[in-house]
Amino acid sequence: MKSQTIPPQLEEQEVASATFCLDVRSEVMRRSIEGIGAYKTYGAGGFLGIPIAFVEFDKAHELFLSPAIVKPQNVVFELPVESHEEYSSKKGLNKTTKKILSDLKNNPYTPYIMVEAIGWIFGINLFGKTFLPQRTNKFFSRLKPSKPKTTYTLDKLSLEEIEFYVTKLHIKIIHSVMDEHSKKDYSEDEIEILRNHLIYNADLSIEVSDEILEKLKTTYQITTQDYEYQKSKLAMVGFTLEEKVHYLHNYLKMIGQVDSFPSFVTIIGHGSVSDNNPFESALDCGACAGNVSLPNTRTLCMIANTKEVRDVIKEKGINIPDNTVFIPGLHITSTDEIKFYDTDILNDEQSKEFKKVEEDFKQATALSRQERSLSLPFTKTDKAMSIKSMDWSETRPEWGLARNMGVFAGPREFTKHLSLNNRFFMHSYDWKIDNEEADILTAIFNGPLIIGEWINLEHYFSTVDNHVYGAGSKVYHNIVSKVGVFSGNYSDLKIGLPIQSVFLEGEAYHEPVRLISFVEAPLEIVGKAVENSIAKEFILNEWIRPIIIDREAKKVYAYEYGEFIVIKEL
């Protein structure tokens, strides 16, 4: 990398800051935003250093939004702010059609008669997606229920609340079992007696058959052990004040945003949108285990906007002004659209100011699309790019992380004048606020660098031998039990990426190179981080090739043959 003169700071007051995932697809967007106005951008691992088990509204299962090597210890539920009455279809949808579509998942007989009864609805969908994908997408979006305004459970439940919810769950189960398997009607008091017997081994003063008791214990797990287990699960909901402060403080220190906060601090997660794509998770956030990273973004922003968190973090040396607002956003990488969330917390004056930010980001979206369209086949217009995200026959909705080749960790001012063509993972880092043990850089090596390495290796092996280490052509894939794909109607489960993700017209689009990592820091700091991190083995075995730019010593180092050697004088 050539030595460059650091550009002068912008004289214009900073309008807002924007943190993106270090994902290579953020590079062109960050460049576009910085070119429009007084915006400062940062890069961080998409999970933002806050691993959560997320339960989406109207879902029962949890998603682990963190790197695969990290197990979340905090559960976050998405709950509606207002009543469920708002969770209904948009105006204009025929009531009969709504009822039919709703009943499909509730009536076990409907699958058998569905094709003859309302098969024409799904026929329109198949025909439309083939010939009119944009209009079809708009039509069927009207059939989907609109999600209400939601919030997250960020505070810990009290012991009384935990016991109340677990007790309520068990009583509901016992009621259902007794209604189904017993001829006698049991009162609330009798149900409570039965529960106390099962949970606390209290005397059973009512008559219940041994068969039902055994069923409650074994099939439905109404036991002391389950009671304690359910309580421990609910105890993971939310965060303590100490945890909130810890995660926010670590995040701000990690990216070096510790002072001079603008009025708006935007933190932007990312995800991809495509139709009929078994490999969509490969286009979402790798730091969130192949999921959309918006929940991490909303969670951290909600924490950062809490006064008691700011009061404590101020004692740790980071003073966030009262007029600074953290706003979460989502970057759709297949279309480069950016949508902001929770803007209703802004007052009227702030809303007017933020409108300018939104307009600038829309302009940056257009610039980013224009640049990306040059490399994406058959995509010369905004309309063509949007259609790719909703066309069920599209094998390449976006290039994703193809052509990734390196990582940069350091201050943004050293790279903002460069066009890196969406080839580098870019993580913000300021060694001057790190400690002597290089804890911040070690955390970057343990998380974002390792994730970048996994992604790099996935693309590397899928390119060098796609038929063995990749997945072959998407055209022949059949999904198997939602765990993988077959090639055709029978084969081994395919691994790696499909050929359309790394090849173009028979030639490799992705360049299979081992990950190059550029770090802006003194050699001593980097050495400690390498020694303390799990990335050490990757570096020793030369799967990660570090380049250290030590501006204090005015030297550039490379790691070769087991040691760091000077390759350039600055």
Foldseek 3Di string as FASTA:
>chain_A
DDDDDQDDQDPDAALEEEEEELFLLCQLLQLLLVVLDRYHYFYHALLLQQWEFEAEPPGDHTATFFAPVDDHLAYKYKDAPDDCVLQFFDPPDDPVVLVVVVCCVVDPCCVVCVCVPPVVVVVCLVVCLAPPLVVSVVVVVRSHTDDHDIDMQADFDDLVVLLVVLVVVLLVVLQVLCVVPPPDDDDPVLSVLLLCCAQVVDDNPDDDDPVSNVCCCPVVNSHVVVSVVSSSVSRNYHDDLVVLLVSLLLSCQLQVPQDPHHLEYEYEWEAAFAAQDLCRLLQHRNRGVSDTSQVSRSNNQVSVLDPVSQVVVVVVPGHDDNSHHYWYWYQHSLLRDIDIPPPVVDDPVVVVSCVVVNVSSVVSSVVSLCLQQVVDPPRRDSVSSVSLRRNSPRQPSHLRQFQAAEEEEEDCSRPSVDDPPSRYSYHRHDCVSADLLLPSLLVCCQRVVVSSQVSLVLLQVCQVDVVQANFEAPVQWDDDPSPATDRHPDDPGGHGYYCVNQDDPHHGPGDNDQYEYEYEAAPSSVVSSLVPHPCVVCPVVVSYWYWYCDVVQQFIWTQDPHDTDTDDGD
